[in-house]
Amino acid sequence: MRYIKQILLFSVFLAPHLTTKAQGKLLSVDELSLQTTYTSLEEALPDSQNVYILFLSNRGYTSFPKEVFKFKNLQYLSLDNNSIEYMPDEIELLQNLQYLDLSNNPRIYIRQTIKKLSKLNNLNSLALAGNKIIKLPKEVGNLIGLQLLGLENNDIYKIPPEIGNLKGLRILFLADNKITQLPKEIGELRNIQQLDLANNRLTEIPEEIGQLLFLQELDLSQNQLNKLPYHILKLRKLQKMDLRGNPELKDEKFKVKTLLPNAKVRF
């Protein structure tokens, strides 16, 4: 549910799809919010042409349920809290899918999953939280249509430079991992508005952070930062920044408030 709330919250920023349901094409976020939410295959199958939102959480699935491919108009699918390992080849059939939640499937093969999902041309929101991911594969850079990516609560220690390919990304959740450094390519995420890096192992932030001119919220709490780059002064749209849990930043308090006088900064 966290992700659908985020999607609705940021609907004004997400790319609109001004098409009609009758044509079986993409719905806007506002239109999707008015559709029936189905919570079981038994409930959805008799009305397969009108299934746009499907929640199949906590069902004990060990493989992707093939019945889902009967829902040609499906646009929001949640399969969180299962034990799915692989994405089947048929996933390509779900070309209308915009929002996919695969959180808390700890047996999932992440590289294979991302490779398959990169063939979904309309996918713009992907949740992969709580999947015990250690290494984020470079193939993540092929998900070029994403606007929201949730990778929190994993064991990720390194972000590949290919993350910079996600030029349209607006929201990136990376909290509760083991990240020790960010690639300079993080600065290529020119449209990002919310970046959550809380509870990692960062000791520094690359100066390229100053290229994120549309950034509004930045969470760097509970890291091991000892300084912040001067380039943060370029973050003119920043409204909130959380620096709590970085004891060595105490001496940076005056500097940060001077560089970002209009942002609400928490120490």
Protein backbone atom coordinates (compact mmCIF):
# COMPACT_ATOMS: atom_id res chain seq x y z
CA MET A 1 0.00 0.00 0.00
CA ARG A 2 2.93 2.36 0.59
CA TYR A 3 3.62 2.56 -3.12
CA ILE A 4 0.11 3.23 -4.33
CA LYS A 5 -0.06 6.05 -1.79
CA GLN A 6 3.20 7.46 -3.11
CA ILE A 7 1.95 7.15 -6.67
CA LEU A 8 -1.24 9.03 -5.85
CA LEU A 9 0.68 11.63 -3.87
CA PHE A 10 2.98 12.35 -6.79
CA SER A 11 0.34 11.91 -9.49
CA VAL A 12 0.73 15.50 -10.56
CA PHE A 13 4.34 14.73 -11.51
CA LEU A 14 3.87 11.29 -13.06
CA ALA A 15 3.55 11.22 -16.83
CA PRO A 16 -0.17 11.31 -17.74
CA HIS A 17 -1.75 8.73 -20.06
CA LEU A 18 -4.80 10.38 -21.52
CA THR A 19 -6.37 7.28 -23.02
CA THR A 20 -9.66 5.52 -22.41
CA LYS A 21 -10.42 2.35 -20.55
CA ALA A 22 -12.76 1.22 -23.34
CA GLN A 23 -9.83 0.96 -25.73
CA GLY A 24 -7.91 -1.22 -23.28
CA LYS A 25 -5.15 1.36 -23.04
CA LEU A 26 -3.38 3.02 -20.17
CA LEU A 27 -5.30 4.84 -17.47
CA SER A 28 -4.11 7.94 -15.68
CA VAL A 29 -3.41 7.72 -11.96
CA ASP A 30 -6.69 9.47 -11.22
CA GLU A 31 -8.61 7.05 -13.43
CA LEU A 32 -6.91 4.06 -11.82
CA SER A 33 -7.87 5.25 -8.36
CA LEU A 34 -11.53 4.86 -9.37
CA GLN A 35 -11.22 1.23 -10.49
CA THR A 36 -12.20 -1.86 -8.50
CA THR A 37 -9.35 -3.42 -6.53
CA TYR A 38 -9.40 -7.20 -6.88
CA THR A 39 -7.79 -9.24 -4.12
CA SER A 40 -7.96 -12.80 -5.45
CA LEU A 41 -7.78 -14.67 -8.73
CA GLU A 42 -11.14 -16.26 -8.03
CA GLU A 43 -12.71 -12.83 -7.77
CA ALA A 44 -10.92 -11.41 -10.80
CA LEU A 45 -11.13 -14.19 -13.41
CA PRO A 46 -14.86 -13.87 -14.19
CA ASP A 47 -14.32 -10.20 -15.02
CA SER A 48 -10.92 -10.52 -16.69
CA GLN A 49 -11.36 -7.63 -19.16
CA ASN A 50 -12.05 -5.16 -16.36
CA VAL A 51 -9.20 -6.07 -14.04
CA TYR A 52 -6.93 -3.06 -13.70
CA ILE A 53 -5.76 -3.42 -10.08
CA LEU A 54 -4.89 -6.77 -8.53
CA PHE A 55 -3.50 -7.45 -5.05
CA LEU A 56 -2.16 -10.97 -4.49
CA SER A 57 -0.18 -10.43 -1.32
CA ASN A 58 0.62 -13.16 1.23
CA ARG A 59 -0.60 -16.04 -0.96
CA GLY A 60 2.37 -18.36 -0.56
CA TYR A 61 3.19 -18.29 -4.28
CA THR A 62 6.51 -19.88 -5.17
CA SER A 63 6.11 -19.03 -8.85
CA PHE A 64 4.45 -16.24 -10.77
CA PRO A 65 0.73 -17.12 -11.09
CA LYS A 66 0.10 -17.74 -14.80
CA GLU A 67 -3.58 -16.80 -14.49
CA VAL A 68 -2.49 -13.18 -14.26
CA PHE A 69 -1.71 -13.20 -17.99
CA LYS A 70 -5.43 -13.39 -18.72
CA PHE A 71 -5.82 -9.82 -17.49
CA LYS A 72 -4.79 -7.92 -20.60
CA ASN A 73 -5.72 -4.55 -19.12
CA LEU A 74 -3.90 -5.06 -15.81
CA GLN A 75 -2.05 -1.92 -14.75
CA TYR A 76 -1.35 -2.31 -11.02
CA LEU A 77 -0.14 -5.66 -9.66
CA SER A 78 0.98 -6.41 -6.11
CA LEU A 79 2.65 -9.75 -5.39
CA ASP A 80 4.41 -8.74 -2.20
CA ASN A 81 5.07 -11.17 0.64
CA ASN A 82 5.33 -14.34 -1.43
CA SER A 83 8.24 -16.62 -2.37
CA ILE A 84 8.45 -16.03 -6.10
CA GLU A 85 11.85 -16.79 -7.64
CA TYR A 86 11.63 -16.06 -11.38
CA MET A 87 9.73 -13.91 -13.85
CA PRO A 88 8.25 -16.06 -16.65
CA ASP A 89 8.73 -15.20 -20.32
CA GLU A 90 5.02 -14.44 -20.55
CA ILE A 91 5.52 -11.33 -18.41
CA GLU A 92 5.96 -9.53 -21.73
CA LEU A 93 2.23 -9.98 -22.32
CA LEU A 94 1.46 -7.42 -19.60
CA GLN A 95 2.36 -4.41 -21.70
CA ASN A 96 -0.22 -2.21 -19.93
CA LEU A 97 1.36 -2.84 -16.53
CA GLN A 98 2.43 0.44 -14.95
CA TYR A 99 2.90 -0.42 -11.26
CA LEU A 100 4.44 -3.63 -9.92
CA ASP A 101 5.11 -4.53 -6.28
CA LEU A 102 7.42 -7.52 -5.76
CA SER A 103 8.52 -6.59 -2.27
CA ASN A 104 9.31 -9.27 0.31
CA ASN A 105 9.95 -12.12 -2.11
CA PRO A 106 13.33 -13.00 -0.58
CA ARG A 107 14.02 -15.92 -2.95
CA ILE A 108 13.73 -13.80 -6.08
CA TYR A 109 16.56 -13.86 -8.62
CA ILE A 110 16.99 -10.14 -9.04
CA ARG A 111 19.08 -10.03 -12.22
CA GLN A 112 16.74 -12.32 -14.12
CA THR A 113 13.75 -10.41 -12.79
CA ILE A 114 15.07 -7.03 -13.89
CA LYS A 115 16.00 -8.36 -17.32
CA LYS A 116 12.44 -9.58 -17.87
CA LEU A 117 10.84 -6.43 -16.50
CA SER A 118 12.89 -4.24 -18.82
CA LYS A 119 10.65 -5.50 -21.64
CA LEU A 120 7.57 -3.89 -20.07
CA ASN A 121 7.46 -0.61 -21.94
CA ASN A 122 4.91 1.12 -19.70
CA LEU A 123 6.26 0.09 -16.30
CA ASN A 124 6.88 3.26 -14.31
CA SER A 125 6.79 2.15 -10.65
CA LEU A 126 8.63 -0.89 -9.25
CA ALA A 127 8.89 -2.02 -5.62
CA LEU A 128 11.63 -4.52 -4.71
CA ALA A 129 11.95 -3.87 -0.98
CA GLY A 130 12.85 -6.62 1.48
CA ASN A 131 14.23 -9.08 -1.09
CA LYS A 132 17.67 -9.67 0.45
CA ILE A 133 19.33 -8.12 -2.58
CA ILE A 134 23.09 -7.88 -2.07
CA LYS A 135 24.28 -6.66 -5.44
CA LEU A 136 22.09 -4.45 -7.59
CA PRO A 137 22.78 -5.61 -11.17
CA LYS A 138 23.82 -3.19 -13.90
CA GLU A 139 20.71 -4.20 -15.82
CA VAL A 140 18.74 -1.86 -13.55
CA GLY A 141 19.86 0.81 -15.99
CA ASN A 142 17.61 -0.76 -18.63
CA LEU A 143 14.44 0.17 -16.70
CA ILE A 144 14.46 3.55 -18.38
CA GLY A 145 10.73 4.18 -18.02
CA LEU A 146 10.75 4.08 -14.21
CA GLN A 147 9.60 7.06 -12.20
CA LEU A 148 9.49 5.29 -8.82
CA LEU A 149 11.94 2.62 -7.64
CA GLY A 150 11.74 1.06 -4.17
CA LEU A 151 14.84 -0.86 -3.02
CA GLU A 152 14.73 -0.27 0.72
CA ASN A 153 15.33 -2.94 3.38
CA ASN A 154 17.77 -5.05 1.38
CA ASP A 155 21.48 -5.77 1.81
CA ILE A 156 22.72 -3.67 -1.10
CA TYR A 157 26.26 -2.42 -0.59
CA LYS A 158 26.93 -0.81 -3.96
CA ILE A 159 24.89 1.09 -6.54
CA PRO A 160 26.01 0.50 -10.14
CA PRO A 161 26.81 3.54 -12.31
CA GLU A 162 24.06 2.43 -14.69
CA ILE A 163 21.56 3.90 -12.20
CA GLY A 164 22.26 7.14 -14.01
CA ASN A 165 20.36 5.84 -17.04
CA LEU A 166 17.05 6.30 -15.22
CA LYS A 167 16.61 9.87 -16.39
CA GLY A 168 12.89 9.97 -15.64
CA LEU A 169 13.13 8.71 -12.04
CA ARG A 170 11.25 10.92 -9.57
CA ILE A 171 11.35 8.83 -6.37
CA LEU A 172 14.15 6.50 -5.21
CA PHE A 173 13.99 4.56 -1.93
CA LEU A 174 17.33 3.09 -0.82
CA ALA A 175 16.93 3.20 2.96
CA ASP A 176 17.98 0.33 5.25
CA ASN A 177 20.75 -1.12 3.12
CA LYS A 178 24.54 -1.36 3.49
CA ILE A 179 25.58 1.20 0.89
CA THR A 180 29.07 2.58 1.52
CA GLN A 181 29.30 4.98 -1.42
CA LEU A 182 27.26 6.45 -4.23
CA PRO A 183 28.44 6.56 -7.84
CA LYS A 184 28.96 9.99 -9.37
CA GLU A 185 26.26 8.98 -11.87
CA ILE A 186 23.69 9.66 -9.16
CA GLY A 187 23.91 13.20 -10.47
CA GLU A 188 22.33 12.06 -13.75
CA LEU A 189 18.96 11.60 -12.05
CA ARG A 190 18.05 15.13 -13.05
CA ASN A 191 14.29 14.74 -12.46
CA ILE A 192 14.44 13.13 -9.03
CA GLN A 193 12.36 14.78 -6.32
CA GLN A 194 12.64 12.37 -3.37
CA LEU A 195 15.79 10.45 -2.44
CA ASP A 196 15.85 8.26 0.68
CA LEU A 197 19.28 6.95 1.77
CA ALA A 198 18.57 6.59 5.48
CA ASN A 199 20.29 3.91 7.56
CA ASN A 200 23.20 3.02 5.30
CA ARG A 201 26.98 3.24 5.72
CA LEU A 202 27.76 6.35 3.75
CA THR A 203 30.77 8.39 4.85
CA GLU A 204 30.51 10.98 2.08
CA ILE A 205 28.20 12.21 -0.67
CA PRO A 206 29.55 12.88 -4.18
CA GLU A 207 29.59 16.49 -5.29
CA GLU A 208 27.35 15.48 -8.21
CA ILE A 209 24.45 15.59 -5.74
CA GLY A 210 24.35 19.27 -6.61
CA GLN A 211 23.07 18.38 -10.10
CA LEU A 212 19.72 17.20 -8.71
CA LEU A 213 18.05 20.53 -9.25
CA PHE A 214 14.49 19.26 -8.73
CA LEU A 215 15.23 17.42 -5.48
CA GLN A 216 12.71 18.30 -2.76
CA GLU A 217 13.33 15.69 -0.05
CA LEU A 218 16.67 14.13 0.91
CA ASP A 219 17.04 11.66 3.79
CA LEU A 220 20.62 10.93 4.85
CA SER A 221 19.85 10.05 8.46
CA GLN A 222 21.60 7.20 10.29
CA ASN A 223 24.76 7.10 8.19
CA GLN A 224 28.42 7.80 8.96
CA LEU A 225 28.81 11.12 7.20
CA ASN A 226 31.57 13.46 8.34
CA LYS A 227 30.97 16.27 5.85
CA LEU A 228 28.68 17.41 3.07
CA PRO A 229 29.81 18.77 -0.30
CA TYR A 230 29.60 22.50 -0.88
CA HIS A 231 27.60 21.71 -4.02
CA ILE A 232 24.45 21.15 -1.96
CA LEU A 233 23.91 24.89 -2.23
CA LYS A 234 22.63 24.21 -5.78
CA LEU A 235 19.63 22.31 -4.40
CA ARG A 236 17.37 25.34 -4.60
CA LYS A 237 14.14 23.32 -4.55
CA LEU A 238 15.10 21.27 -1.49
CA GLN A 239 12.41 21.50 1.19
CA LYS A 240 13.43 18.80 3.66
CA MET A 241 16.74 17.18 4.57
CA ASP A 242 17.24 14.71 7.41
CA LEU A 243 20.78 14.42 8.81
CA ARG A 244 19.97 12.85 12.18
CA GLY A 245 22.20 10.02 13.32
CA ASN A 246 25.39 11.44 11.78
CA PRO A 247 27.20 12.65 14.92
CA GLU A 248 30.26 13.91 13.04
CA LEU A 249 28.09 16.40 11.15
CA LYS A 250 27.52 18.54 14.22
CA ASP A 251 30.18 20.99 13.08
CA GLU A 252 28.46 21.25 9.69
CA LYS A 253 25.22 22.62 11.13
CA PHE A 254 25.97 26.30 10.52
CA LYS A 255 27.37 25.60 7.05
CA VAL A 256 24.32 23.59 5.98
CA LYS A 257 21.82 26.16 7.23
CA THR A 258 23.79 28.90 5.47
CA LEU A 259 23.90 27.02 2.17
CA LEU A 260 20.25 25.90 2.37
CA PRO A 261 18.40 28.71 4.15
CA ASN A 262 14.99 27.71 2.80
CA ALA A 263 15.15 23.99 3.61
CA LYS A 264 13.97 22.36 6.81
CA VAL A 265 17.05 20.47 8.02
CA ARG A 266 16.96 18.03 10.92
CA PHE A 267 20.17 17.23 12.83
